[in-house]
């Protein structure tokens, strides 16, 4: 979670002055496109350490309404084969797999230090306050997080990562809670 480079800080300052979103209300998809093209995360979030089991999480520093764009999940685009190799080597897996127009994509966010979406934690569908949505921006697939509920100041962001059978930590979390 390195600080933004000088260039990105200046870009962010310039965007605040000439923010087209202040002139008219953008749709959540247009808001996502604006932040993706600028290469910056939306303001209003903070990464905090939670616990040894859960690691880090992303928390809201301001309120967000249901349906609003929150963050982009970005990183290095890698092949499914490279994903398999990296998944075996690393304890911490930040690789997101998805299909778009019949092709499999893998995004590895492990080396992405300028963005924070990789720190948003997993939750079941009922308790999650966000969901990942695939958008086509400038002909490229982009993974965007949108609010599924109103999010208050201090709330942790979470979304469902996928089915339970491939998520070992859900089984571990359940067994931890059962034992105590």
N, C-alpha and C. Protein backbone atom coordinates (compact mmCIF):
# COMPACT_ATOMS: atom_id res chain seq x y z
N UNK A 1 0.83 -1.17 0.00
CA UNK A 1 0.00 0.00 0.00
C UNK A 1 0.88 1.24 0.00
N UNK A 2 1.67 1.34 -1.04
CA UNK A 2 2.58 2.47 -1.17
C UNK A 2 1.80 3.74 -1.46
N UNK A 3 2.43 4.85 -1.14
CA UNK A 3 1.83 6.14 -1.44
C UNK A 3 1.81 6.34 -2.95
N UNK A 4 0.90 7.16 -3.40
CA UNK A 4 0.82 7.44 -4.83
C UNK A 4 2.06 8.19 -5.29
N UNK A 5 2.48 7.93 -6.51
CA UNK A 5 3.61 8.64 -7.08
C UNK A 5 3.24 10.11 -7.27
N UNK A 6 4.25 10.94 -7.49
CA UNK A 6 4.02 12.36 -7.69
C UNK A 6 3.07 12.60 -8.86
N UNK A 7 3.28 11.87 -9.96
CA UNK A 7 2.43 12.02 -11.14
C UNK A 7 0.98 11.69 -10.86
N UNK A 8 0.75 10.61 -10.12
CA UNK A 8 -0.63 10.23 -9.80
C UNK A 8 -1.27 11.21 -8.82
N UNK A 9 -0.48 11.77 -7.90
CA UNK A 9 -1.04 12.78 -6.98
C UNK A 9 -1.45 14.02 -7.75
N UNK A 10 -0.64 14.43 -8.73
CA UNK A 10 -0.97 15.61 -9.53
C UNK A 10 -2.18 15.34 -10.41
N UNK A 11 -2.26 14.14 -10.98
CA UNK A 11 -3.42 13.77 -11.78
C UNK A 11 -4.68 13.81 -10.92
N UNK A 12 -4.58 13.27 -9.72
CA UNK A 12 -5.73 13.26 -8.81
C UNK A 12 -6.15 14.69 -8.46
N UNK A 13 -5.18 15.57 -8.20
CA UNK A 13 -5.49 16.96 -7.88
C UNK A 13 -6.16 17.65 -9.08
N UNK A 14 -5.67 17.38 -10.29
CA UNK A 14 -6.27 17.96 -11.48
C UNK A 14 -7.67 17.44 -11.73
N UNK A 15 -7.89 16.17 -11.44
CA UNK A 15 -9.22 15.59 -11.62
C UNK A 15 -10.23 16.23 -10.69
N UNK A 16 -9.81 16.55 -9.47
CA UNK A 16 -10.73 17.17 -8.52
C UNK A 16 -11.20 18.54 -9.02
N UNK A 17 -10.29 19.28 -9.66
CA UNK A 17 -10.65 20.61 -10.16
C UNK A 17 -11.61 20.53 -11.35
N UNK A 18 -11.34 19.60 -12.26
CA UNK A 18 -12.10 19.49 -13.50
C UNK A 18 -12.98 18.25 -13.53
N UNK A 19 -13.47 17.84 -12.42
CA UNK A 19 -14.23 16.61 -12.30
C UNK A 19 -15.55 16.72 -13.07
N UNK A 20 -15.69 15.97 -14.19
CA UNK A 20 -16.93 16.06 -14.97
C UNK A 20 -18.13 15.52 -14.20
N UNK A 21 -17.88 14.74 -13.16
CA UNK A 21 -18.98 14.19 -12.38
C UNK A 21 -19.70 15.28 -11.58
N UNK A 22 -19.03 16.41 -11.37
CA UNK A 22 -19.66 17.52 -10.63
C UNK A 22 -20.64 18.28 -11.52
N UNK A 23 -20.44 18.24 -12.83
CA UNK A 23 -21.31 18.95 -13.75
C UNK A 23 -22.64 18.25 -13.96
N UNK A 24 -22.62 16.94 -14.01
CA UNK A 24 -23.85 16.17 -14.17
C UNK A 24 -23.67 14.83 -13.48
N UNK A 25 -24.76 14.23 -13.12
CA UNK A 25 -24.74 12.94 -12.42
C UNK A 25 -24.42 11.84 -13.41
N UNK A 26 -23.35 11.07 -13.12
CA UNK A 26 -22.97 9.96 -13.98
C UNK A 26 -23.63 8.67 -13.49
N UNK A 27 -23.88 7.77 -14.41
CA UNK A 27 -24.37 6.45 -14.02
C UNK A 27 -23.23 5.72 -13.32
N UNK A 28 -23.52 4.68 -12.54
CA UNK A 28 -22.44 3.93 -11.89
C UNK A 28 -21.42 3.37 -12.90
N UNK A 29 -21.89 2.94 -14.08
CA UNK A 29 -20.98 2.42 -15.09
C UNK A 29 -20.08 3.52 -15.66
N UNK A 30 -20.65 4.73 -15.85
CA UNK A 30 -19.83 5.86 -16.33
C UNK A 30 -18.83 6.27 -15.26
N UNK A 31 -19.23 6.20 -13.99
CA UNK A 31 -18.32 6.50 -12.88
C UNK A 31 -17.17 5.51 -12.87
N UNK A 32 -17.47 4.23 -13.08
CA UNK A 32 -16.44 3.19 -13.14
C UNK A 32 -15.47 3.48 -14.28
N UNK A 33 -16.01 3.81 -15.43
CA UNK A 33 -15.17 4.11 -16.60
C UNK A 33 -14.25 5.29 -16.31
N UNK A 34 -14.77 6.33 -15.66
CA UNK A 34 -13.98 7.50 -15.31
C UNK A 34 -12.77 7.12 -14.46
N UNK A 35 -12.99 6.31 -13.42
CA UNK A 35 -11.89 5.94 -12.53
C UNK A 35 -10.93 4.95 -13.19
N UNK A 36 -11.44 4.03 -13.99
CA UNK A 36 -10.58 3.08 -14.68
C UNK A 36 -9.67 3.81 -15.66
N UNK A 37 -10.22 4.73 -16.42
CA UNK A 37 -9.40 5.47 -17.39
C UNK A 37 -8.41 6.40 -16.71
N UNK A 38 -8.73 6.89 -15.52
CA UNK A 38 -7.79 7.76 -14.81
C UNK A 38 -6.70 6.96 -14.12
N UNK A 39 -6.93 5.66 -13.91
CA UNK A 39 -5.93 4.81 -13.26
C UNK A 39 -5.88 4.97 -11.75
N UNK A 40 -6.95 5.53 -11.17
CA UNK A 40 -6.96 5.79 -9.74
C UNK A 40 -8.12 5.08 -9.06
N UNK A 41 -7.94 4.80 -7.77
CA UNK A 41 -9.05 4.30 -6.96
C UNK A 41 -9.94 5.46 -6.57
N UNK A 42 -11.19 5.17 -6.38
CA UNK A 42 -12.13 6.16 -5.89
C UNK A 42 -11.76 6.51 -4.45
N UNK A 43 -11.93 7.76 -4.06
CA UNK A 43 -11.67 8.17 -2.68
C UNK A 43 -12.74 7.61 -1.76
N UNK A 44 -12.41 7.56 -0.47
CA UNK A 44 -13.41 7.17 0.52
C UNK A 44 -13.19 5.80 1.12
N UNK A 45 -12.00 5.21 0.92
CA UNK A 45 -11.72 3.88 1.44
C UNK A 45 -10.40 3.86 2.18
N UNK A 46 -10.29 2.90 3.10
CA UNK A 46 -9.08 2.75 3.89
C UNK A 46 -8.82 1.25 4.09
N UNK A 47 -7.56 0.83 3.92
CA UNK A 47 -7.17 -0.55 4.18
C UNK A 47 -6.71 -0.64 5.63
N UNK A 48 -7.25 -1.63 6.36
CA UNK A 48 -6.88 -1.85 7.76
C UNK A 48 -6.59 -3.32 7.99
N UNK A 49 -5.68 -3.57 8.92
CA UNK A 49 -5.40 -4.95 9.35
C UNK A 49 -6.52 -5.38 10.29
N UNK A 50 -7.04 -6.60 10.08
CA UNK A 50 -8.15 -7.10 10.88
C UNK A 50 -7.67 -8.16 11.88
N UNK A 51 -7.07 -9.24 11.37
CA UNK A 51 -6.60 -10.32 12.24
C UNK A 51 -5.65 -11.21 11.45
N UNK A 52 -4.97 -12.13 12.18
CA UNK A 52 -4.08 -13.08 11.50
C UNK A 52 -4.86 -13.99 10.56
N UNK A 53 -6.07 -14.37 10.94
CA UNK A 53 -6.87 -15.26 10.09
C UNK A 53 -7.40 -14.52 8.86
N UNK A 54 -7.94 -13.34 9.06
CA UNK A 54 -8.59 -12.62 7.96
C UNK A 54 -7.62 -11.72 7.19
N UNK A 55 -6.58 -11.25 7.82
CA UNK A 55 -5.62 -10.36 7.15
C UNK A 55 -6.12 -8.93 7.10
N UNK A 56 -6.01 -8.31 5.93
CA UNK A 56 -6.43 -6.93 5.74
C UNK A 56 -7.85 -6.86 5.20
N UNK A 57 -8.45 -5.70 5.32
CA UNK A 57 -9.78 -5.46 4.77
C UNK A 57 -9.89 -4.01 4.33
N UNK A 58 -10.91 -3.72 3.53
CA UNK A 58 -11.15 -2.36 3.05
C UNK A 58 -12.39 -1.83 3.75
N UNK A 59 -12.27 -0.63 4.32
CA UNK A 59 -13.35 -0.01 5.08
C UNK A 59 -13.73 1.33 4.46
N UNK A 60 -15.01 1.64 4.54
CA UNK A 60 -15.52 2.90 3.98
C UNK A 60 -15.20 4.06 4.92
N UNK A 61 -14.69 5.15 4.37
CA UNK A 61 -14.47 6.38 5.14
C UNK A 61 -15.58 7.39 4.90
N UNK A 62 -16.49 7.04 3.98
CA UNK A 62 -17.66 7.87 3.71
C UNK A 62 -18.81 6.95 3.31
N UNK A 63 -19.99 7.51 3.15
CA UNK A 63 -21.15 6.69 2.82
C UNK A 63 -21.24 6.47 1.31
N UNK A 64 -21.74 5.28 0.96
CA UNK A 64 -21.97 4.94 -0.44
C UNK A 64 -23.37 4.35 -0.56
N UNK A 65 -24.06 4.72 -1.62
CA UNK A 65 -25.43 4.27 -1.86
C UNK A 65 -25.43 2.94 -2.63
N UNK A 66 -26.51 2.20 -2.47
CA UNK A 66 -26.71 0.96 -3.21
C UNK A 66 -26.61 1.24 -4.70
N UNK A 67 -25.85 0.41 -5.41
CA UNK A 67 -25.69 0.56 -6.85
C UNK A 67 -24.47 1.36 -7.27
N UNK A 68 -23.84 2.09 -6.35
CA UNK A 68 -22.69 2.92 -6.68
C UNK A 68 -21.46 2.09 -7.03
N UNK A 69 -20.65 2.59 -7.96
CA UNK A 69 -19.35 2.00 -8.25
C UNK A 69 -18.44 2.25 -7.05
N UNK A 70 -17.66 1.22 -6.67
CA UNK A 70 -16.76 1.35 -5.53
C UNK A 70 -15.29 1.32 -5.97
N UNK A 71 -14.84 0.18 -6.51
CA UNK A 71 -13.43 0.00 -6.85
C UNK A 71 -13.28 -0.91 -8.07
N UNK A 72 -12.10 -0.84 -8.69
CA UNK A 72 -11.76 -1.76 -9.78
C UNK A 72 -10.77 -2.79 -9.24
N UNK A 73 -10.99 -4.07 -9.59
CA UNK A 73 -10.03 -5.12 -9.27
C UNK A 73 -9.04 -5.17 -10.42
N UNK A 74 -7.83 -4.70 -10.18
CA UNK A 74 -6.86 -4.65 -11.27
C UNK A 74 -5.56 -5.32 -10.86
N UNK A 75 -4.79 -5.65 -11.86
CA UNK A 75 -3.51 -6.32 -11.65
C UNK A 75 -2.96 -6.76 -12.99
N UNK A 76 -2.05 -7.72 -12.92
CA UNK A 76 -1.40 -8.24 -14.12
C UNK A 76 -2.29 -9.29 -14.79
N UNK A 77 -2.52 -9.14 -16.08
CA UNK A 77 -3.27 -10.15 -16.85
C UNK A 77 -2.31 -11.30 -17.16
N UNK A 78 -2.69 -12.50 -16.71
CA UNK A 78 -1.84 -13.67 -16.93
C UNK A 78 -2.67 -14.80 -17.55
N UNK A 79 -1.99 -15.78 -18.10
CA UNK A 79 -2.66 -16.93 -18.71
C UNK A 79 -3.14 -17.89 -17.62
N UNK A 80 -4.10 -18.73 -17.94
CA UNK A 80 -4.55 -19.74 -16.97
C UNK A 80 -3.40 -20.67 -16.54
N UNK A 81 -2.48 -20.96 -17.45
CA UNK A 81 -1.34 -21.80 -17.12
C UNK A 81 -0.43 -21.12 -16.10
N UNK A 82 -0.15 -19.85 -16.32
CA UNK A 82 0.67 -19.09 -15.38
C UNK A 82 -0.03 -18.96 -14.03
N UNK A 83 -1.34 -18.83 -14.07
CA UNK A 83 -2.13 -18.77 -12.84
C UNK A 83 -1.95 -20.03 -12.01
N UNK A 84 -1.99 -21.19 -12.67
CA UNK A 84 -1.81 -22.46 -11.97
C UNK A 84 -0.43 -22.55 -11.33
N UNK A 85 0.60 -22.08 -12.04
CA UNK A 85 1.96 -22.10 -11.51
C UNK A 85 2.07 -21.19 -10.30
N UNK A 86 1.56 -19.97 -10.41
CA UNK A 86 1.65 -19.01 -9.30
C UNK A 86 0.83 -19.46 -8.09
N UNK A 87 -0.31 -20.06 -8.33
CA UNK A 87 -1.17 -20.51 -7.23
C UNK A 87 -0.48 -21.58 -6.39
N UNK A 88 0.34 -22.41 -7.02
CA UNK A 88 1.07 -23.46 -6.28
C UNK A 88 2.22 -22.88 -5.48
N UNK A 89 2.82 -21.79 -5.95
CA UNK A 89 3.99 -21.20 -5.30
C UNK A 89 3.62 -20.31 -4.11
N UNK A 90 2.47 -19.67 -4.16
CA UNK A 90 2.15 -18.63 -3.18
C UNK A 90 1.15 -19.11 -2.13
N UNK A 91 1.36 -18.65 -0.90
CA UNK A 91 0.37 -18.89 0.16
C UNK A 91 -0.83 -17.97 -0.04
N UNK A 92 -0.54 -16.74 -0.43
CA UNK A 92 -1.59 -15.73 -0.59
C UNK A 92 -1.95 -15.64 -2.07
N UNK A 93 -3.16 -16.03 -2.41
CA UNK A 93 -3.60 -16.05 -3.79
C UNK A 93 -4.53 -14.88 -4.05
N UNK A 94 -4.12 -13.96 -4.92
CA UNK A 94 -4.94 -12.81 -5.28
C UNK A 94 -5.28 -12.85 -6.76
N UNK A 95 -5.48 -14.07 -7.28
CA UNK A 95 -5.77 -14.24 -8.71
C UNK A 95 -7.27 -14.41 -8.90
N UNK A 96 -7.83 -13.59 -9.75
CA UNK A 96 -9.26 -13.61 -10.04
C UNK A 96 -9.43 -14.23 -11.43
N UNK A 97 -10.21 -15.31 -11.52
CA UNK A 97 -10.48 -16.00 -12.79
C UNK A 97 -11.88 -15.63 -13.27
N UNK A 98 -12.02 -15.38 -14.57
CA UNK A 98 -13.34 -15.12 -15.14
C UNK A 98 -13.32 -15.37 -16.64
N UNK A 99 -14.51 -15.50 -17.21
CA UNK A 99 -14.66 -15.69 -18.65
C UNK A 99 -15.33 -14.45 -19.24
N UNK A 100 -14.85 -14.06 -20.43
CA UNK A 100 -15.44 -12.93 -21.14
C UNK A 100 -15.40 -13.25 -22.62
N UNK A 101 -16.57 -13.26 -23.24
CA UNK A 101 -16.70 -13.56 -24.67
C UNK A 101 -16.02 -14.88 -25.02
N UNK A 102 -16.23 -15.89 -24.17
CA UNK A 102 -15.71 -17.24 -24.43
C UNK A 102 -14.25 -17.45 -24.12
N UNK A 103 -13.55 -16.45 -23.63
CA UNK A 103 -12.13 -16.57 -23.33
C UNK A 103 -11.91 -16.47 -21.82
N UNK A 104 -11.00 -17.30 -21.29
CA UNK A 104 -10.69 -17.25 -19.87
C UNK A 104 -9.63 -16.18 -19.60
N UNK A 105 -9.87 -15.38 -18.57
CA UNK A 105 -8.94 -14.34 -18.14
C UNK A 105 -8.54 -14.61 -16.70
N UNK A 106 -7.33 -14.20 -16.36
CA UNK A 106 -6.85 -14.28 -14.99
C UNK A 106 -6.15 -12.97 -14.67
N UNK A 107 -6.53 -12.37 -13.56
CA UNK A 107 -5.89 -11.13 -13.13
C UNK A 107 -5.23 -11.39 -11.79
N UNK A 108 -3.91 -11.19 -11.74
CA UNK A 108 -3.14 -11.38 -10.51
C UNK A 108 -2.88 -10.01 -9.90
N UNK A 109 -3.50 -9.75 -8.76
CA UNK A 109 -3.38 -8.45 -8.11
C UNK A 109 -2.28 -8.40 -7.06
N UNK A 110 -1.49 -9.46 -6.94
CA UNK A 110 -0.47 -9.52 -5.89
C UNK A 110 0.56 -8.40 -5.99
N UNK A 111 0.91 -8.00 -7.20
CA UNK A 111 1.93 -6.97 -7.36
C UNK A 111 1.34 -5.58 -7.58
N UNK A 112 0.05 -5.45 -7.49
CA UNK A 112 -0.62 -4.17 -7.73
C UNK A 112 -0.64 -3.35 -6.43
N UNK A 113 0.23 -2.36 -6.33
CA UNK A 113 0.35 -1.60 -5.09
C UNK A 113 -0.43 -0.28 -5.09
N UNK A 114 -0.86 0.18 -6.25
CA UNK A 114 -1.56 1.46 -6.34
C UNK A 114 -3.07 1.34 -6.16
N UNK A 115 -3.59 0.12 -6.06
CA UNK A 115 -5.02 -0.10 -5.94
C UNK A 115 -5.31 -1.00 -4.74
N UNK A 116 -6.52 -0.90 -4.20
CA UNK A 116 -6.81 -1.61 -2.95
C UNK A 116 -7.90 -2.67 -3.05
N UNK A 117 -8.48 -2.87 -4.21
CA UNK A 117 -9.61 -3.80 -4.32
C UNK A 117 -9.24 -5.23 -3.93
N UNK A 118 -7.96 -5.61 -4.10
CA UNK A 118 -7.56 -6.97 -3.76
C UNK A 118 -7.65 -7.25 -2.26
N UNK A 119 -7.83 -6.21 -1.45
CA UNK A 119 -7.97 -6.38 0.00
C UNK A 119 -9.42 -6.48 0.46
N UNK A 120 -10.37 -6.41 -0.48
CA UNK A 120 -11.78 -6.58 -0.12
C UNK A 120 -12.00 -8.06 0.16
N UNK A 121 -12.57 -8.38 1.30
CA UNK A 121 -12.70 -9.76 1.75
C UNK A 121 -13.96 -10.44 1.22
N UNK A 122 -13.93 -11.76 1.32
CA UNK A 122 -15.02 -12.64 0.92
C UNK A 122 -16.14 -12.62 1.96
N UNK A 123 -17.35 -12.80 1.50
CA UNK A 123 -18.50 -12.95 2.39
C UNK A 123 -19.58 -13.71 1.62
N UNK A 124 -20.51 -14.29 2.33
CA UNK A 124 -21.60 -14.98 1.63
C UNK A 124 -22.53 -13.94 0.99
N UNK A 125 -23.32 -14.39 0.06
CA UNK A 125 -24.19 -13.49 -0.72
C UNK A 125 -25.11 -12.68 0.19
N UNK A 126 -25.67 -13.32 1.22
CA UNK A 126 -26.63 -12.65 2.10
C UNK A 126 -26.00 -11.50 2.89
N UNK A 127 -24.76 -11.68 3.36
CA UNK A 127 -24.12 -10.69 4.22
C UNK A 127 -23.22 -9.70 3.48
N UNK A 128 -22.87 -10.00 2.24
CA UNK A 128 -21.98 -9.12 1.48
C UNK A 128 -22.67 -7.79 1.18
N UNK A 129 -21.87 -6.73 1.06
CA UNK A 129 -22.45 -5.42 0.73
C UNK A 129 -22.01 -4.93 -0.65
N UNK A 130 -21.36 -5.82 -1.42
CA UNK A 130 -20.91 -5.45 -2.76
C UNK A 130 -20.91 -6.69 -3.64
N UNK A 131 -20.80 -6.45 -4.95
CA UNK A 131 -20.66 -7.56 -5.89
C UNK A 131 -19.74 -7.14 -7.01
N UNK A 132 -19.06 -8.13 -7.59
CA UNK A 132 -18.15 -7.89 -8.70
C UNK A 132 -18.96 -7.97 -9.98
N UNK A 133 -18.75 -7.00 -10.85
CA UNK A 133 -19.46 -6.95 -12.12
C UNK A 133 -18.43 -6.77 -13.23
N UNK A 134 -18.62 -7.48 -14.31
CA UNK A 134 -17.73 -7.39 -15.46
C UNK A 134 -18.23 -6.31 -16.41
N UNK A 135 -17.38 -5.32 -16.69
CA UNK A 135 -17.71 -4.26 -17.64
C UNK A 135 -16.73 -4.31 -18.80
N UNK A 136 -17.20 -3.93 -19.97
CA UNK A 136 -16.34 -3.82 -21.15
C UNK A 136 -16.00 -2.34 -21.30
N UNK A 137 -14.77 -1.99 -20.99
CA UNK A 137 -14.32 -0.59 -21.07
C UNK A 137 -13.27 -0.49 -22.16
N UNK A 138 -13.54 0.28 -23.16
CA UNK A 138 -12.63 0.47 -24.30
C UNK A 138 -12.22 -0.87 -24.91
N UNK A 139 -13.16 -1.81 -25.00
CA UNK A 139 -12.91 -3.10 -25.61
C UNK A 139 -12.16 -4.11 -24.75
N UNK A 140 -11.94 -3.77 -23.48
CA UNK A 140 -11.23 -4.67 -22.57
C UNK A 140 -12.12 -5.00 -21.38
N UNK A 141 -12.09 -6.24 -20.92
CA UNK A 141 -12.90 -6.59 -19.74
C UNK A 141 -12.29 -6.02 -18.47
N UNK A 142 -13.13 -5.43 -17.64
CA UNK A 142 -12.69 -4.85 -16.37
C UNK A 142 -13.60 -5.36 -15.26
N UNK A 143 -13.02 -5.73 -14.14
CA UNK A 143 -13.77 -6.19 -12.98
C UNK A 143 -14.02 -5.01 -12.05
N UNK A 144 -15.28 -4.73 -11.80
CA UNK A 144 -15.65 -3.55 -11.00
C UNK A 144 -16.53 -3.98 -9.84
N UNK A 145 -16.28 -3.38 -8.70
CA UNK A 145 -17.05 -3.67 -7.49
C UNK A 145 -18.13 -2.60 -7.33
N UNK A 146 -19.38 -3.05 -7.14
CA UNK A 146 -20.52 -2.16 -6.97
C UNK A 146 -21.21 -2.49 -5.65
N UNK A 147 -21.76 -1.47 -5.00
CA UNK A 147 -22.47 -1.66 -3.74
C UNK A 147 -23.82 -2.33 -3.98
N UNK A 148 -24.14 -3.35 -3.17
CA UNK A 148 -25.44 -4.01 -3.24
C UNK A 148 -26.36 -3.55 -2.12
N UNK A 149 -25.79 -2.79 -1.19
CA UNK A 149 -26.54 -2.21 -0.07
C UNK A 149 -25.95 -0.84 0.19
N UNK A 150 -26.66 -0.02 0.94
CA UNK A 150 -26.06 1.23 1.40
C UNK A 150 -24.92 0.88 2.34
N UNK A 151 -23.78 1.56 2.19
CA UNK A 151 -22.60 1.29 2.99
C UNK A 151 -22.32 2.53 3.84
N UNK A 152 -22.20 2.33 5.14
CA UNK A 152 -21.96 3.43 6.06
C UNK A 152 -20.48 3.61 6.38
N UNK A 153 -20.17 4.73 6.99
CA UNK A 153 -18.80 5.02 7.42
C UNK A 153 -18.37 3.94 8.41
N UNK A 154 -17.19 3.36 8.18
CA UNK A 154 -16.66 2.33 9.07
C UNK A 154 -17.03 0.91 8.67
N UNK A 155 -17.94 0.75 7.71
CA UNK A 155 -18.33 -0.60 7.26
C UNK A 155 -17.21 -1.22 6.44
N UNK A 156 -16.99 -2.53 6.66
CA UNK A 156 -16.03 -3.25 5.84
C UNK A 156 -16.69 -3.68 4.55
N UNK A 157 -16.00 -3.49 3.42
CA UNK A 157 -16.51 -3.96 2.13
C UNK A 157 -16.28 -5.46 2.02
N UNK A 158 -17.26 -6.16 1.45
CA UNK A 158 -17.11 -7.59 1.20
C UNK A 158 -17.99 -7.98 0.03
N UNK A 159 -17.58 -9.02 -0.67
CA UNK A 159 -18.39 -9.56 -1.77
C UNK A 159 -18.16 -11.07 -1.83
N UNK A 160 -19.12 -11.81 -2.41
CA UNK A 160 -18.95 -13.26 -2.51
C UNK A 160 -17.93 -13.61 -3.59
N UNK A 161 -16.89 -14.36 -3.20
CA UNK A 161 -15.85 -14.75 -4.16
C UNK A 161 -16.32 -15.84 -5.11
N UNK A 162 -17.25 -16.67 -4.69
CA UNK A 162 -17.69 -17.76 -5.55
C UNK A 162 -18.30 -18.88 -4.73
N UNK A 163 -18.29 -20.07 -5.30
CA UNK A 163 -18.92 -21.22 -4.64
C UNK A 163 -18.08 -21.71 -3.45
N UNK A 164 -18.78 -22.29 -2.46
CA UNK A 164 -18.14 -22.73 -1.23
C UNK A 164 -17.11 -23.84 -1.42
N UNK A 165 -17.30 -24.71 -2.40
CA UNK A 165 -16.42 -25.88 -2.52
C UNK A 165 -14.97 -25.50 -2.84
N UNK A 166 -14.73 -24.34 -3.46
CA UNK A 166 -13.37 -23.93 -3.79
C UNK A 166 -12.79 -22.91 -2.81
N UNK A 167 -13.54 -22.59 -1.77
CA UNK A 167 -13.09 -21.57 -0.83
C UNK A 167 -12.79 -22.23 0.52
N UNK A 168 -11.56 -22.71 0.68
CA UNK A 168 -11.18 -23.46 1.88
C UNK A 168 -11.37 -22.66 3.16
N UNK A 169 -11.19 -21.33 3.11
CA UNK A 169 -11.27 -20.53 4.33
C UNK A 169 -12.70 -20.48 4.89
N UNK A 170 -13.70 -20.64 4.04
CA UNK A 170 -15.08 -20.68 4.56
C UNK A 170 -15.27 -21.92 5.43
N UNK A 171 -14.70 -23.04 5.00
CA UNK A 171 -14.79 -24.26 5.81
C UNK A 171 -14.01 -24.07 7.11
N UNK A 172 -12.82 -23.47 7.00
CA UNK A 172 -11.98 -23.24 8.18
C UNK A 172 -12.66 -22.27 9.13
N UNK A 173 -13.25 -21.21 8.58
CA UNK A 173 -13.94 -20.23 9.42
C UNK A 173 -15.11 -20.87 10.14
N UNK A 174 -15.86 -21.71 9.43
CA UNK A 174 -17.00 -22.40 10.06
C UNK A 174 -16.52 -23.32 11.16
N UNK A 175 -15.43 -24.06 10.92
CA UNK A 175 -14.96 -24.99 11.94
C UNK A 175 -14.40 -24.24 13.14
N UNK A 176 -13.80 -23.07 12.89
CA UNK A 176 -13.29 -22.26 14.01
C UNK A 176 -14.46 -21.80 14.87
N UNK A 177 -15.53 -21.34 14.25
CA UNK A 177 -16.66 -20.85 15.00
C UNK A 177 -17.39 -21.98 15.73
N UNK A 178 -17.41 -23.17 15.15
CA UNK A 178 -18.08 -24.32 15.77
C UNK A 178 -17.33 -24.75 17.01
N UNK A 179 -16.00 -24.71 16.97
CA UNK A 179 -15.19 -25.18 18.09
C UNK A 179 -15.26 -24.27 19.30
N UNK A 180 -15.49 -22.98 19.13
CA UNK A 180 -15.45 -22.05 20.25
C UNK A 180 -16.74 -21.95 21.01
